[in-house]
Amino acid sequence: QFNRNISECERLGIPYGVYVYSYAFDNQQAADE
C-alpha cells in the first residue's frame, strides 16, 4: 500500500514520514534497506 498511501497524503496535504521494518543481519543488508 505504500505507493498509494504516499500519493494520497500528498494529494490531501497530510504531512508524512516513513519507516522500514528492519531484518538486517549485517551492515550490507542495512545499507540495502
Full PDB file with SEQRES, HELIX, SHEET, SSBOND, CRYST1, ORIGX, SCALE, CONECT and MASTER records, all heavy atoms in Angstrom:
SEQRES   1 A   33  GLN PHE ASN ARG ASN ILE SER GLU CYS GLU ARG LEU GLY          
SEQRES   2 A   33  ILE PRO TYR GLY VAL TYR VAL TYR SER TYR ALA PHE ASP          
SEQRES   3 A   33  ASN GLN GLN ALA ALA ASP GLU                                  
HELIX    1 AA1 PHE A    2  LEU A   12  1                                  11    
HELIX    2 AA2 ASN A   27  ASP A   32  1                                   6    
CRYST1    1.000    1.000    1.000  90.00  90.00  90.00 P 1           1          
ORIGX1      1.000000  0.000000  0.000000        0.00000                         
ORIGX2      0.000000  1.000000  0.000000        0.00000                         
ORIGX3      0.000000  0.000000  1.000000        0.00000                         
SCALE1      1.000000  0.000000  0.000000        0.00000                         
SCALE2      0.000000  1.000000  0.000000        0.00000                         
SCALE3      0.000000  0.000000  1.000000        0.00000                         
ATOM      1  N   GLN A   1       0.808  -1.221   0.000  1.00  0.00           N  
ATOM      2  CA  GLN A   1       0.000   0.000   0.000  1.00  0.00           C  
ATOM      3  C   GLN A   1       0.844   1.276   0.000  1.00  0.00           C  
ATOM      4  O   GLN A   1       0.285   2.370   0.001  1.00  0.00           O  
ATOM      5  CB  GLN A   1      -0.933   0.009   1.214  1.00  0.00           C  
ATOM      6  CG  GLN A   1      -2.014  -1.056   1.196  1.00  0.00           C  
ATOM      7  CD  GLN A   1      -3.026  -0.827   0.094  1.00  0.00           C  
ATOM      8  OE1 GLN A   1      -3.325   0.311  -0.270  1.00  0.00           O  
ATOM      9  NE2 GLN A   1      -3.576  -1.906  -0.446  1.00  0.00           N  
ATOM     10  N   PHE A   2       2.171   1.154   0.014  1.00  0.00           N  
ATOM     11  CA  PHE A   2       2.997   2.353   0.189  1.00  0.00           C  
ATOM     12  C   PHE A   2       2.790   3.399  -0.896  1.00  0.00           C  
ATOM     13  O   PHE A   2       2.580   4.584  -0.599  1.00  0.00           O  
ATOM     14  CB  PHE A   2       4.472   1.992   0.260  1.00  0.00           C  
ATOM     15  CG  PHE A   2       5.366   3.206   0.299  1.00  0.00           C  
ATOM     16  CD1 PHE A   2       5.405   4.017   1.418  1.00  0.00           C  
ATOM     17  CD2 PHE A   2       6.128   3.561  -0.805  1.00  0.00           C  
ATOM     18  CE1 PHE A   2       6.203   5.166   1.453  1.00  0.00           C  
ATOM     19  CE2 PHE A   2       6.927   4.696  -0.783  1.00  0.00           C  
ATOM     20  CZ  PHE A   2       6.963   5.497   0.349  1.00  0.00           C  
ATOM     21  N   ASN A   3       2.877   2.998  -2.151  1.00  0.00           N  
ATOM     22  CA  ASN A   3       2.779   3.984  -3.235  1.00  0.00           C  
ATOM     23  C   ASN A   3       1.447   4.723  -3.205  1.00  0.00           C  
ATOM     24  O   ASN A   3       1.398   5.943  -3.416  1.00  0.00           O  
ATOM     25  CB  ASN A   3       2.993   3.304  -4.586  1.00  0.00           C  
ATOM     26  CG  ASN A   3       4.435   2.893  -4.800  1.00  0.00           C  
ATOM     27  OD1 ASN A   3       5.354   3.588  -4.390  1.00  0.00           O  
ATOM     28  ND2 ASN A   3       4.647   1.736  -5.413  1.00  0.00           N  
ATOM     29  N   ARG A   4       0.376   3.997  -2.930  1.00  0.00           N  
ATOM     30  CA  ARG A   4      -0.933   4.661  -2.844  1.00  0.00           C  
ATOM     31  C   ARG A   4      -0.993   5.567  -1.615  1.00  0.00           C  
ATOM     32  O   ARG A   4      -1.494   6.701  -1.689  1.00  0.00           O  
ATOM     33  CB  ARG A   4      -2.055   3.635  -2.785  1.00  0.00           C  
ATOM     34  CG  ARG A   4      -3.442   4.281  -2.703  1.00  0.00           C  
ATOM     35  CD  ARG A   4      -4.575   3.280  -2.734  1.00  0.00           C  
ATOM     36  NE  ARG A   4      -5.845   3.990  -2.677  1.00  0.00           N  
ATOM     37  CZ  ARG A   4      -6.433   4.368  -1.544  1.00  0.00           C  
ATOM     38  NH1 ARG A   4      -5.860   4.095  -0.381  1.00  0.00           N  
ATOM     39  NH2 ARG A   4      -7.585   5.016  -1.573  1.00  0.00           N  
ATOM     40  N   ASN A   5      -0.496   5.087  -0.483  1.00  0.00           N  
ATOM     41  CA  ASN A   5      -0.562   5.884   0.740  1.00  0.00           C  
ATOM     42  C   ASN A   5       0.203   7.198   0.614  1.00  0.00           C  
ATOM     43  O   ASN A   5      -0.283   8.256   1.026  1.00  0.00           O  
ATOM     44  CB  ASN A   5      -0.015   5.081   1.924  1.00  0.00           C  
ATOM     45  CG  ASN A   5      -0.968   3.986   2.383  1.00  0.00           C  
ATOM     46  OD1 ASN A   5      -2.156   4.011   2.074  1.00  0.00           O  
ATOM     47  ND2 ASN A   5      -0.452   3.020   3.119  1.00  0.00           N  
ATOM     48  N   ILE A   6       1.394   7.140   0.032  1.00  0.00           N  
ATOM     49  CA  ILE A   6       2.185   8.371  -0.078  1.00  0.00           C  
ATOM     50  C   ILE A   6       1.541   9.334  -1.073  1.00  0.00           C  
ATOM     51  O   ILE A   6       1.527  10.553  -0.860  1.00  0.00           O  
ATOM     52  CB  ILE A   6       3.656   8.062  -0.449  1.00  0.00           C  
ATOM     53  CG1 ILE A   6       4.544   9.276  -0.157  1.00  0.00           C  
ATOM     54  CG2 ILE A   6       3.801   7.609  -1.889  1.00  0.00           C  
ATOM     55  CD1 ILE A   6       6.032   8.973  -0.274  1.00  0.00           C  
ATOM     56  N   SER A   7       0.959   8.807  -2.138  1.00  0.00           N  
ATOM     57  CA  SER A   7       0.294   9.662  -3.125  1.00  0.00           C  
ATOM     58  C   SER A   7      -0.932  10.344  -2.521  1.00  0.00           C  
ATOM     59  O   SER A   7      -1.190  11.531  -2.782  1.00  0.00           O  
ATOM     60  CB  SER A   7      -0.119   8.841  -4.351  1.00  0.00           C  
ATOM     61  OG  SER A   7       1.011   8.346  -5.029  1.00  0.00           O  
ATOM     62  N   GLU A   8      -1.672   9.604  -1.708  1.00  0.00           N  
ATOM     63  CA  GLU A   8      -2.865  10.174  -1.082  1.00  0.00           C  
ATOM     64  C   GLU A   8      -2.505  11.242  -0.055  1.00  0.00           C  
ATOM     65  O   GLU A   8      -3.169  12.283   0.030  1.00  0.00           O  
ATOM     66  CB  GLU A   8      -3.689   9.058  -0.422  1.00  0.00           C  
ATOM     67  CG  GLU A   8      -4.437   8.179  -1.404  1.00  0.00           C  
ATOM     68  CD  GLU A   8      -5.544   8.935  -2.105  1.00  0.00           C  
ATOM     69  OE1 GLU A   8      -6.656   9.017  -1.560  1.00  0.00           O  
ATOM     70  OE2 GLU A   8      -5.285   9.477  -3.204  1.00  0.00           O  
ATOM     71  N   CYS A   9      -1.464  11.010   0.719  1.00  0.00           N  
ATOM     72  CA  CYS A   9      -1.039  12.024   1.685  1.00  0.00           C  
ATOM     73  C   CYS A   9      -0.615  13.308   0.975  1.00  0.00           C  
ATOM     74  O   CYS A   9      -0.943  14.416   1.424  1.00  0.00           O  
ATOM     75  CB  CYS A   9       0.113  11.497   2.542  1.00  0.00           C  
ATOM     76  SG  CYS A   9      -0.400  10.317   3.811  1.00  0.00           S  
ATOM     77  N   GLU A  10       0.063  13.172  -0.141  1.00  0.00           N  
ATOM     78  CA  GLU A  10       0.496  14.354  -0.898  1.00  0.00           C  
ATOM     79  C   GLU A  10      -0.699  15.042  -1.554  1.00  0.00           C  
ATOM     80  O   GLU A  10      -0.765  16.274  -1.595  1.00  0.00           O  
ATOM     81  CB  GLU A  10       1.536  13.943  -1.928  1.00  0.00           C  
ATOM     82  CG  GLU A  10       2.853  13.541  -1.282  1.00  0.00           C  
ATOM     83  CD  GLU A  10       3.883  13.043  -2.268  1.00  0.00           C  
ATOM     84  OE1 GLU A  10       3.521  12.777  -3.432  1.00  0.00           O  
ATOM     85  OE2 GLU A  10       5.062  12.923  -1.878  1.00  0.00           O  
ATOM     86  N   ARG A  11      -1.641  14.255  -2.036  1.00  0.00           N  
ATOM     87  CA  ARG A  11      -2.832  14.854  -2.657  1.00  0.00           C  
ATOM     88  C   ARG A  11      -3.614  15.689  -1.656  1.00  0.00           C  
ATOM     89  O   ARG A  11      -4.118  16.772  -1.988  1.00  0.00           O  
ATOM     90  CB  ARG A  11      -3.727  13.747  -3.223  1.00  0.00           C  
ATOM     91  CG  ARG A  11      -5.047  14.253  -3.838  1.00  0.00           C  
ATOM     92  CD  ARG A  11      -5.869  13.115  -4.412  1.00  0.00           C  
ATOM     93  NE  ARG A  11      -6.413  12.249  -3.387  1.00  0.00           N  
ATOM     94  CZ  ARG A  11      -7.567  12.470  -2.747  1.00  0.00           C  
ATOM     95  NH1 ARG A  11      -8.275  13.558  -3.016  1.00  0.00           N  
ATOM     96  NH2 ARG A  11      -8.009  11.613  -1.843  1.00  0.00           N  
ATOM     97  N   LEU A  12      -3.699  15.211  -0.421  1.00  0.00           N  
ATOM     98  CA  LEU A  12      -4.521  15.866   0.592  1.00  0.00           C  
ATOM     99  C   LEU A  12      -3.730  16.810   1.495  1.00  0.00           C  
ATOM    100  O   LEU A  12      -4.299  17.446   2.376  1.00  0.00           O  
ATOM    101  CB  LEU A  12      -5.208  14.794   1.454  1.00  0.00           C  
ATOM    102  CG  LEU A  12      -6.238  13.935   0.716  1.00  0.00           C  
ATOM    103  CD1 LEU A  12      -6.619  12.714   1.535  1.00  0.00           C  
ATOM    104  CD2 LEU A  12      -7.480  14.759   0.387  1.00  0.00           C  
ATOM    105  N   GLY A  13      -2.415  16.913   1.268  1.00  0.00           N  
ATOM    106  CA  GLY A  13      -1.612  17.806   2.091  1.00  0.00           C  
ATOM    107  C   GLY A  13      -1.425  17.326   3.511  1.00  0.00           C  
ATOM    108  O   GLY A  13      -1.298  18.133   4.441  1.00  0.00           O  
ATOM    109  N   ILE A  14      -1.398  15.996   3.705  1.00  0.00           N  
ATOM    110  CA  ILE A  14      -1.171  15.435   5.040  1.00  0.00           C  
ATOM    111  C   ILE A  14       0.336  15.270   5.244  1.00  0.00           C  
ATOM    112  O   ILE A  14       0.982  14.524   4.500  1.00  0.00           O  
ATOM    113  CB  ILE A  14      -1.870  14.072   5.193  1.00  0.00           C  
ATOM    114  CG1 ILE A  14      -3.384  14.223   5.012  1.00  0.00           C  
ATOM    115  CG2 ILE A  14      -1.557  13.456   6.552  1.00  0.00           C  
ATOM    116  CD1 ILE A  14      -4.131  12.900   4.976  1.00  0.00           C  
ATOM    117  N   PRO A  15       0.936  15.938   6.210  1.00  0.00           N  
ATOM    118  CA  PRO A  15       2.374  15.755   6.460  1.00  0.00           C  
ATOM    119  C   PRO A  15       2.668  14.296   6.791  1.00  0.00           C  
ATOM    120  O   PRO A  15       1.915  13.652   7.523  1.00  0.00           O  
ATOM    121  CB  PRO A  15       2.638  16.661   7.668  1.00  0.00           C  
ATOM    122  CG  PRO A  15       1.516  17.654   7.659  1.00  0.00           C  
ATOM    123  CD  PRO A  15       0.327  16.916   7.130  1.00  0.00           C  
ATOM    124  N   TYR A  16       3.775  13.766   6.269  1.00  0.00           N  
ATOM    125  CA  TYR A  16       4.058  12.351   6.493  1.00  0.00           C  
ATOM    126  C   TYR A  16       5.550  12.106   6.667  1.00  0.00           C  
ATOM    127  O   TYR A  16       6.402  12.874   6.223  1.00  0.00           O  
ATOM    128  CB  TYR A  16       3.526  11.504   5.328  1.00  0.00           C  
ATOM    129  CG  TYR A  16       4.235  11.755   4.009  1.00  0.00           C  
ATOM    130  CD1 TYR A  16       5.397  11.067   3.675  1.00  0.00           C  
ATOM    131  CD2 TYR A  16       3.755  12.704   3.103  1.00  0.00           C  
ATOM    132  CE1 TYR A  16       6.060  11.307   2.483  1.00  0.00           C  
ATOM    133  CE2 TYR A  16       4.404  12.950   1.904  1.00  0.00           C  
ATOM    134  CZ  TYR A  16       5.562  12.244   1.603  1.00  0.00           C  
ATOM    135  OH  TYR A  16       6.222  12.498   0.424  1.00  0.00           O  
ATOM    136  N   GLY A  17       5.842  11.012   7.343  1.00  0.00           N  
ATOM    137  CA  GLY A  17       7.178  10.448   7.407  1.00  0.00           C  
ATOM    138  C   GLY A  17       7.064   8.999   6.976  1.00  0.00           C  
ATOM    139  O   GLY A  17       5.971   8.528   6.649  1.00  0.00           O  
ATOM    140  N   VAL A  18       8.175   8.265   6.983  1.00  0.00           N  
ATOM    141  CA  VAL A  18       8.141   6.869   6.557  1.00  0.00           C  
ATOM    142  C   VAL A  18       9.010   6.025   7.491  1.00  0.00           C  
ATOM    143  O   VAL A  18       9.829   6.551   8.252  1.00  0.00           O  
ATOM    144  CB  VAL A  18       8.633   6.696   5.101  1.00  0.00           C  
ATOM    145  CG1 VAL A  18       7.779   7.519   4.143  1.00  0.00           C  
ATOM    146  CG2 VAL A  18      10.103   7.072   4.966  1.00  0.00           C  
ATOM    147  N   TYR A  19       8.811   4.699   7.409  1.00  0.00           N  
ATOM    148  CA  TYR A  19       9.672   3.795   8.162  1.00  0.00           C  
ATOM    149  C   TYR A  19       9.841   2.491   7.396  1.00  0.00           C  
ATOM    150  O   TYR A  19       9.033   2.151   6.523  1.00  0.00           O  
ATOM    151  CB  TYR A  19       9.112   3.529   9.558  1.00  0.00           C  
ATOM    152  CG  TYR A  19       7.906   2.606   9.629  1.00  0.00           C  
ATOM    153  CD1 TYR A  19       8.057   1.242   9.885  1.00  0.00           C  
ATOM    154  CD2 TYR A  19       6.612   3.091   9.456  1.00  0.00           C  
ATOM    155  CE1 TYR A  19       6.964   0.393   9.970  1.00  0.00           C  
ATOM    156  CE2 TYR A  19       5.505   2.254   9.537  1.00  0.00           C  
ATOM    157  CZ  TYR A  19       5.686   0.904   9.801  1.00  0.00           C  
ATOM    158  OH  TYR A  19       4.597   0.059   9.874  1.00  0.00           O  
ATOM    159  N   VAL A  20      10.912   1.774   7.716  1.00  0.00           N  
ATOM    160  CA  VAL A  20      11.137   0.445   7.165  1.00  0.00           C  
ATOM    161  C   VAL A  20      11.356  -0.510   8.334  1.00  0.00           C  
ATOM    162  O   VAL A  20      12.090  -0.202   9.284  1.00  0.00           O  
ATOM    163  CB  VAL A  20      12.333   0.413   6.190  1.00  0.00           C  
ATOM    164  CG1 VAL A  20      13.628   0.778   6.886  1.00  0.00           C  
ATOM    165  CG2 VAL A  20      12.455  -0.950   5.511  1.00  0.00           C  
ATOM    166  N   TYR A  21      10.689  -1.656   8.279  1.00  0.00           N  
ATOM    167  CA  TYR A  21      10.813  -2.694   9.303  1.00  0.00           C  
ATOM    168  C   TYR A  21      12.074  -3.488   8.988  1.00  0.00           C  
ATOM    169  O   TYR A  21      12.166  -4.147   7.963  1.00  0.00           O  
ATOM    170  CB  TYR A  21       9.568  -3.576   9.266  1.00  0.00           C  
ATOM    171  CG  TYR A  21       9.451  -4.610  10.371  1.00  0.00           C  
ATOM    172  CD1 TYR A  21       8.585  -4.409  11.430  1.00  0.00           C  
ATOM    173  CD2 TYR A  21      10.175  -5.794  10.325  1.00  0.00           C  
ATOM    174  CE1 TYR A  21       8.440  -5.377  12.430  1.00  0.00           C  
ATOM    175  CE2 TYR A  21      10.053  -6.754  11.319  1.00  0.00           C  
ATOM    176  CZ  TYR A  21       9.179  -6.540  12.368  1.00  0.00           C  
ATOM    177  OH  TYR A  21       9.046  -7.488  13.357  1.00  0.00           O  
ATOM    178  N   SER A  22      13.061  -3.431   9.870  1.00  0.00           N  
ATOM    179  CA  SER A  22      14.374  -4.000   9.568  1.00  0.00           C  
ATOM    180  C   SER A  22      14.471  -5.492   9.877  1.00  0.00           C  
ATOM    181  O   SER A  22      14.006  -5.969  10.915  1.00  0.00           O  
ATOM    182  CB  SER A  22      15.458  -3.271  10.353  1.00  0.00           C  
ATOM    183  OG  SER A  22      16.720  -3.880  10.118  1.00  0.00           O  
ATOM    184  N   TYR A  23      15.112  -6.196   8.931  1.00  0.00           N  
ATOM    185  CA  TYR A  23      15.511  -7.585   9.134  1.00  0.00           C  
ATOM    186  C   TYR A  23      17.018  -7.745   8.934  1.00  0.00           C  
ATOM    187  O   TYR A  23      17.515  -8.864   8.776  1.00  0.00           O  
ATOM    188  CB  TYR A  23      14.803  -8.499   8.134  1.00  0.00           C  
ATOM    189  CG  TYR A  23      13.342  -8.765   8.425  1.00  0.00           C  
ATOM    190  CD1 TYR A  23      12.345  -8.147   7.695  1.00  0.00           C  
ATOM    191  CD2 TYR A  23      12.963  -9.669   9.418  1.00  0.00           C  
ATOM    192  CE1 TYR A  23      11.005  -8.409   7.935  1.00  0.00           C  
ATOM    193  CE2 TYR A  23      11.626  -9.937   9.675  1.00  0.00           C  
ATOM    194  CZ  TYR A  23      10.651  -9.313   8.928  1.00  0.00           C  
ATOM    195  OH  TYR A  23       9.323  -9.584   9.178  1.00  0.00           O  
ATOM    196  N   ALA A  24      17.738  -6.650   8.924  1.00  0.00           N  
ATOM    197  CA  ALA A  24      19.162  -6.686   8.574  1.00  0.00           C  
ATOM    198  C   ALA A  24      19.978  -7.448   9.608  1.00  0.00           C  
ATOM    199  O   ALA A  24      19.900  -7.180  10.809  1.00  0.00           O  
ATOM    200  CB  ALA A  24      19.696  -5.270   8.422  1.00  0.00           C  
ATOM    201  N   PHE A  25      20.801  -8.393   9.113  1.00  0.00           N  
ATOM    202  CA  PHE A  25      21.713  -9.145   9.969  1.00  0.00           C  
ATOM    203  C   PHE A  25      23.126  -8.555   9.942  1.00  0.00           C  
ATOM    204  O   PHE A  25      23.945  -8.860  10.808  1.00  0.00           O  
ATOM    205  CB  PHE A  25      21.794 -10.603   9.504  1.00  0.00           C  
ATOM    206  CG  PHE A  25      20.599 -11.442   9.879  1.00  0.00           C  
ATOM    207  CD1 PHE A  25      19.490 -10.891  10.515  1.00  0.00           C  
ATOM    208  CD2 PHE A  25      20.594 -12.799   9.595  1.00  0.00           C  
ATOM    209  CE1 PHE A  25      18.398 -11.675  10.852  1.00  0.00           C  
ATOM    210  CE2 PHE A  25      19.509 -13.592   9.934  1.00  0.00           C  
ATOM    211  CZ  PHE A  25      18.407 -13.036  10.565  1.00  0.00           C  
ATOM    212  N   ASP A  26      23.423  -7.742   8.917  1.00  0.00           N  
ATOM    213  CA  ASP A  26      24.760  -7.169   8.802  1.00  0.00           C  
ATOM    214  C   ASP A  26      24.665  -5.790   8.159  1.00  0.00           C  
ATOM    215  O   ASP A  26      23.592  -5.337   7.760  1.00  0.00           O  
ATOM    216  CB  ASP A  26      25.688  -8.084   7.996  1.00  0.00           C  
ATOM    217  CG  ASP A  26      25.135  -8.435   6.617  1.00  0.00           C  
ATOM    218  OD1 ASP A  26      24.586  -7.533   5.941  1.00  0.00           O  
ATOM    219  OD2 ASP A  26      25.255  -9.606   6.206  1.00  0.00           O  
ATOM    220  N   ASN A  27      25.800  -5.122   8.051  1.00  0.00           N  
ATOM    221  CA  ASN A  27      25.821  -3.751   7.531  1.00  0.00           C  
ATOM    222  C   ASN A  27      25.380  -3.671   6.079  1.00  0.00           C  
ATOM    223  O   ASN A  27      24.756  -2.688   5.665  1.00  0.00           O  
ATOM    224  CB  ASN A  27      27.222  -3.159   7.690  1.00  0.00           C  
ATOM    225  CG  ASN A  27      27.545  -2.832   9.137  1.00  0.00           C  
ATOM    226  OD1 ASN A  27      26.692  -2.953  10.016  1.00  0.00           O  
ATOM    227  ND2 ASN A  27      28.788  -2.447   9.403  1.00  0.00           N  
ATOM    228  N   GLN A  28      25.734  -4.677   5.282  1.00  0.00           N  
ATOM    229  CA  GLN A  28      25.343  -4.645   3.879  1.00  0.00           C  
ATOM    230  C   GLN A  28      23.827  -4.721   3.739  1.00  0.00           C  
ATOM    231  O   GLN A  28      23.231  -4.000   2.931  1.00  0.00           O  
ATOM    232  CB  GLN A  28      25.992  -5.804   3.105  1.00  0.00           C  
ATOM    233  CG  GLN A  28      25.667  -5.797   1.608  1.00  0.00           C  
ATOM    234  CD  GLN A  28      26.064  -4.496   0.935  1.00  0.00           C  
ATOM    235  OE1 GLN A  28      27.238  -4.114   0.968  1.00  0.00           O  
ATOM    236  NE2 GLN A  28      25.100  -3.791   0.324  1.00  0.00           N  
ATOM    237  N   GLN A  29      23.192  -5.553   4.526  1.00  0.00           N  
ATOM    238  CA  GLN A  29      21.732  -5.639   4.473  1.00  0.00           C  
ATOM    239  C   GLN A  29      21.094  -4.344   4.968  1.00  0.00           C  
ATOM    240  O   GLN A  29      20.070  -3.902   4.434  1.00  0.00           O  
ATOM    241  CB  GLN A  29      21.249  -6.840   5.285  1.00  0.00           C  
ATOM    242  CG  GLN A  29      21.602  -8.175   4.645  1.00  0.00           C  
ATOM    243  CD  GLN A  29      21.070  -9.361   5.416  1.00  0.00           C  
ATOM    244  OE1 GLN A  29      20.658  -9.246   6.580  1.00  0.00           O  
ATOM    245  NE2 GLN A  29      21.070 -10.533   4.780  1.00  0.00           N  
ATOM    246  N   ALA A  30      21.695  -3.712   5.979  1.00  0.00           N  
ATOM    247  CA  ALA A  30      21.190  -2.415   6.456  1.00  0.00           C  
ATOM    248  C   ALA A  30      21.304  -1.366   5.355  1.00  0.00           C  
ATOM    249  O   ALA A  30      20.398  -0.542   5.161  1.00  0.00           O  
ATOM    250  CB  ALA A  30      21.959  -1.973   7.693  1.00  0.00           C  
ATOM    251  N   ALA A  31      22.420  -1.394   4.624  1.00  0.00           N  
ATOM    252  CA  ALA A  31      22.597  -0.462   3.505  1.00  0.00           C  
ATOM    253  C   ALA A  31      21.576  -0.734   2.409  1.00  0.00           C  
ATOM    254  O   ALA A  31      21.049   0.208   1.797  1.00  0.00           O  
ATOM    255  CB  ALA A  31      24.017  -0.578   2.944  1.00  0.00           C  
ATOM    256  N   ASP A  32      21.281  -2.001   2.173  1.00  0.00           N  
ATOM    257  CA  ASP A  32      20.279  -2.354   1.161  1.00  0.00           C  
ATOM    258  C   ASP A  32      18.889  -1.867   1.577  1.00  0.00           C  
ATOM    259  O   ASP A  32      18.100  -1.421   0.732  1.00  0.00           O  
ATOM    260  CB  ASP A  32      20.255  -3.865   0.944  1.00  0.00           C  
ATOM    261  CG  ASP A  32      21.508  -4.368   0.228  1.00  0.00           C  
ATOM    262  OD1 ASP A  32      22.271  -3.524  -0.286  1.00  0.00           O  
ATOM    263  OD2 ASP A  32      21.717  -5.597   0.202  1.00  0.00           O  
ATOM    264  N   GLU A  33      18.584  -1.942   2.863  1.00  0.00           N  
ATOM    265  CA  GLU A  33      17.294  -1.433   3.346  1.00  0.00           C  
ATOM    266  C   GLU A  33      17.203   0.075   3.120  1.00  0.00           C  
ATOM    267  O   GLU A  33      16.155   0.589   2.696  1.00  0.00           O  
ATOM    268  CB  GLU A  33      17.118  -1.779   4.825  1.00  0.00           C  
ATOM    269  CG  GLU A  33      16.880  -3.261   5.066  1.00  0.00           C  
ATOM    270  CD  GLU A  33      16.762  -3.635   6.529  1.00  0.00           C  
ATOM    271  OE1 GLU A  33      17.398  -2.956   7.375  1.00  0.00           O  
ATOM    272  OE2 GLU A  33      16.054  -4.601   6.845  1.00  0.00           O  
TER     273      GLU A  33                                                      
MASTER        0    0    0    2    0    0    0    6  272    1    0    3          
END                                                                             
